[in-house]
Amino acid sequence: MSGFFDALMESVQEMDEIFRAQRCNSPLAPKISEKNTLTFQQKQACYDKVCRSNYLASLRIEGFETVPANAAESLPVRQQILDRYRHNTS
C-alpha cells in the first residue's frame, strides 16, 4: 500500500513542477529583475493581476459575460457602493 502512496506523491510532485513551469511562462507572471529577485511592488502587481483574473473567471463560471477589457477597469471603492445603495433606498 505504501508503494501506491509513494507513486502518488511522486506524481503530484511532477504535476506541481509542470504547473510551476507553466505559471512562469504565463503572461500574468511578473518580470524578474536583473538580480533574480522580486521587489515588493512586483509581487503586489502580480498578486493584483492574479486576483483580478480569478475574479473575472469566477464571474464567467457564474454565467456573467466578461471581456478582457473588464480587467483594466478599476473596482468601485467601498464608499461609492454604499452611496449607490443609500441613494436607491431613499
C-alpha atoms as a PDB file:
ATOM      1  CA  MET A   1       0.000   0.000   0.000  1.00  0.00           C
ATOM      2  CA  SER A   2       2.847   2.411   0.758  1.00  0.00           C
ATOM      3  CA  GLY A   3       4.180   1.866  -2.773  1.00  0.00           C
ATOM      4  CA  PHE A   4       0.911   3.259  -4.090  1.00  0.00           C
ATOM      5  CA  PHE A   5       1.196   6.377  -1.931  1.00  0.00           C
ATOM      6  CA  ASP A   6       4.856   6.843  -2.878  1.00  0.00           C
ATOM      7  CA  ALA A   7       3.940   6.689  -6.576  1.00  0.00           C
ATOM      8  CA  LEU A   8       1.010   9.043  -5.977  1.00  0.00           C
ATOM      9  CA  MET A   9       3.217  11.552  -4.152  1.00  0.00           C
ATOM     10  CA  GLU A  10       5.807  11.402  -6.925  1.00  0.00           C
ATOM     11  CA  SER A  11       3.072  12.030  -9.492  1.00  0.00           C
ATOM     12  CA  VAL A  12       1.780  15.003  -7.507  1.00  0.00           C
ATOM     13  CA  GLN A  13       5.277  16.482  -7.281  1.00  0.00           C
ATOM     14  CA  GLU A  14       5.772  16.090 -11.043  1.00  0.00           C
ATOM     15  CA  MET A  15       2.471  17.846 -11.730  1.00  0.00           C
ATOM     16  CA  ASP A  16       3.451  20.627  -9.336  1.00  0.00           C
ATOM     17  CA  GLU A  17       6.681  21.150 -11.273  1.00  0.00           C
ATOM     18  CA  ILE A  18       4.731  21.249 -14.552  1.00  0.00           C
ATOM     19  CA  PHE A  19       2.275  23.809 -13.164  1.00  0.00           C
ATOM     20  CA  ARG A  20       5.114  25.949 -11.822  1.00  0.00           C
ATOM     21  CA  ALA A  21       6.795  25.923 -15.224  1.00  0.00           C
ATOM     22  CA  GLN A  22       3.528  26.906 -16.904  1.00  0.00           C
ATOM     23  CA  ARG A  23       2.961  29.665 -14.376  1.00  0.00           C
ATOM     24  CA  CYS A  24       6.429  31.080 -15.014  1.00  0.00           C
ATOM     25  CA  ASN A  25       5.661  31.318 -18.732  1.00  0.00           C
ATOM     26  CA  SER A  26       2.249  32.862 -18.044  1.00  0.00           C
ATOM     27  CA  PRO A  27       1.631  36.462 -19.132  1.00  0.00           C
ATOM     28  CA  LEU A  28       0.470  37.073 -15.560  1.00  0.00           C
ATOM     29  CA  ALA A  29       3.873  36.149 -14.170  1.00  0.00           C
ATOM     30  CA  PRO A  30       5.910  39.185 -13.137  1.00  0.00           C
ATOM     31  CA  LYS A  31       9.098  40.027 -14.985  1.00  0.00           C
ATOM     32  CA  ILE A  32      12.084  39.251 -12.772  1.00  0.00           C
ATOM     33  CA  SER A  33      14.674  41.961 -12.321  1.00  0.00           C
ATOM     34  CA  GLU A  34      18.381  41.558 -13.095  1.00  0.00           C
ATOM     35  CA  LYS A  35      19.123  40.357  -9.564  1.00  0.00           C
ATOM     36  CA  ASN A  36      16.619  37.499  -9.988  1.00  0.00           C
ATOM     37  CA  THR A  37      14.666  38.752  -7.002  1.00  0.00           C
ATOM     38  CA  LEU A  38      11.247  40.292  -6.989  1.00  0.00           C
ATOM     39  CA  THR A  39      10.550  43.599  -5.330  1.00  0.00           C
ATOM     40  CA  PHE A  40       7.534  44.086  -3.129  1.00  0.00           C
ATOM     41  CA  GLN A  41       5.910  46.219  -5.845  1.00  0.00           C
ATOM     42  CA  GLN A  42       6.400  43.461  -8.448  1.00  0.00           C
ATOM     43  CA  LYS A  43       4.883  40.887  -6.093  1.00  0.00           C
ATOM     44  CA  GLN A  44       1.978  43.186  -5.322  1.00  0.00           C
ATOM     45  CA  ALA A  45       1.350  43.882  -9.026  1.00  0.00           C
ATOM     46  CA  CYS A  46       1.378  40.160  -9.796  1.00  0.00           C
ATOM     47  CA  TYR A  47      -0.998  39.489  -6.898  1.00  0.00           C
ATOM     48  CA  ASP A  48      -3.382  42.186  -8.151  1.00  0.00           C
ATOM     49  CA  LYS A  49      -3.357  40.770 -11.698  1.00  0.00           C
ATOM     50  CA  VAL A  50      -3.994  37.241 -10.484  1.00  0.00           C
ATOM     51  CA  CYS A  51      -6.790  38.384  -8.138  1.00  0.00           C
ATOM     52  CA  ARG A  52      -8.467  40.289 -10.966  1.00  0.00           C
ATOM     53  CA  SER A  53      -8.074  37.323 -13.305  1.00  0.00           C
ATOM     54  CA  ASN A  54      -9.539  34.942 -10.715  1.00  0.00           C
ATOM     55  CA  TYR A  55     -12.437  37.321 -10.045  1.00  0.00           C
ATOM     56  CA  LEU A  56     -13.291  37.535 -13.752  1.00  0.00           C
ATOM     57  CA  ALA A  57     -13.001  33.755 -14.065  1.00  0.00           C
ATOM     58  CA  SER A  58     -15.423  33.279 -11.172  1.00  0.00           C
ATOM     59  CA  LEU A  59     -17.865  35.681 -12.846  1.00  0.00           C
ATOM     60  CA  ARG A  60     -17.671  33.626 -16.051  1.00  0.00           C
ATOM     61  CA  ILE A  61     -18.309  30.444 -14.078  1.00  0.00           C
ATOM     62  CA  GLU A  62     -21.408  32.033 -12.544  1.00  0.00           C
ATOM     63  CA  GLY A  63     -22.715  32.902 -16.023  1.00  0.00           C
ATOM     64  CA  PHE A  64     -21.803  36.581 -16.282  1.00  0.00           C
ATOM     65  CA  GLU A  65     -20.337  37.720 -19.576  1.00  0.00           C
ATOM     66  CA  THR A  66     -16.917  39.291 -19.200  1.00  0.00           C
ATOM     67  CA  VAL A  67     -14.390  40.632 -21.671  1.00  0.00           C
ATOM     68  CA  PRO A  68     -10.645  41.168 -21.253  1.00  0.00           C
ATOM     69  CA  ALA A  69     -11.260  44.933 -21.137  1.00  0.00           C
ATOM     70  CA  ASN A  70     -13.023  44.407 -17.790  1.00  0.00           C
ATOM     71  CA  ALA A  71      -9.669  43.534 -16.245  1.00  0.00           C
ATOM     72  CA  ALA A  72      -8.385  47.072 -16.850  1.00  0.00           C
ATOM     73  CA  GLU A  73     -11.375  48.745 -15.146  1.00  0.00           C
ATOM     74  CA  SER A  74     -10.906  49.728 -11.553  1.00  0.00           C
ATOM     75  CA  LEU A  75     -13.287  48.401  -8.953  1.00  0.00           C
ATOM     76  CA  PRO A  76     -15.507  50.887  -7.121  1.00  0.00           C
ATOM     77  CA  VAL A  77     -14.386  51.865  -3.657  1.00  0.00           C
ATOM     78  CA  ARG A  78     -16.474  50.938  -0.645  1.00  0.00           C
ATOM     79  CA  GLN A  79     -17.892  54.448  -0.203  1.00  0.00           C
ATOM     80  CA  GLN A  80     -19.133  54.582  -3.813  1.00  0.00           C
ATOM     81  CA  ILE A  81     -21.022  51.318  -3.335  1.00  0.00           C
ATOM     82  CA  LEU A  82     -22.551  52.465  -0.048  1.00  0.00           C
ATOM     83  CA  ASP A  83     -23.608  55.787  -1.599  1.00  0.00           C
ATOM     84  CA  ARG A  84     -25.216  54.000  -4.556  1.00  0.00           C
ATOM     85  CA  TYR A  85     -27.336  51.754  -2.328  1.00  0.00           C
ATOM     86  CA  ARG A  86     -28.201  54.547   0.102  1.00  0.00           C
ATOM     87  CA  HIS A  87     -29.329  56.682  -2.837  1.00  0.00           C
ATOM     88  CA  ASN A  88     -31.535  53.869  -4.179  1.00  0.00           C
ATOM     89  CA  THR A  89     -33.299  53.322  -0.856  1.00  0.00           C
ATOM     90  CA  SER A  90     -34.247  56.959  -0.324  1.00  0.00           C
END
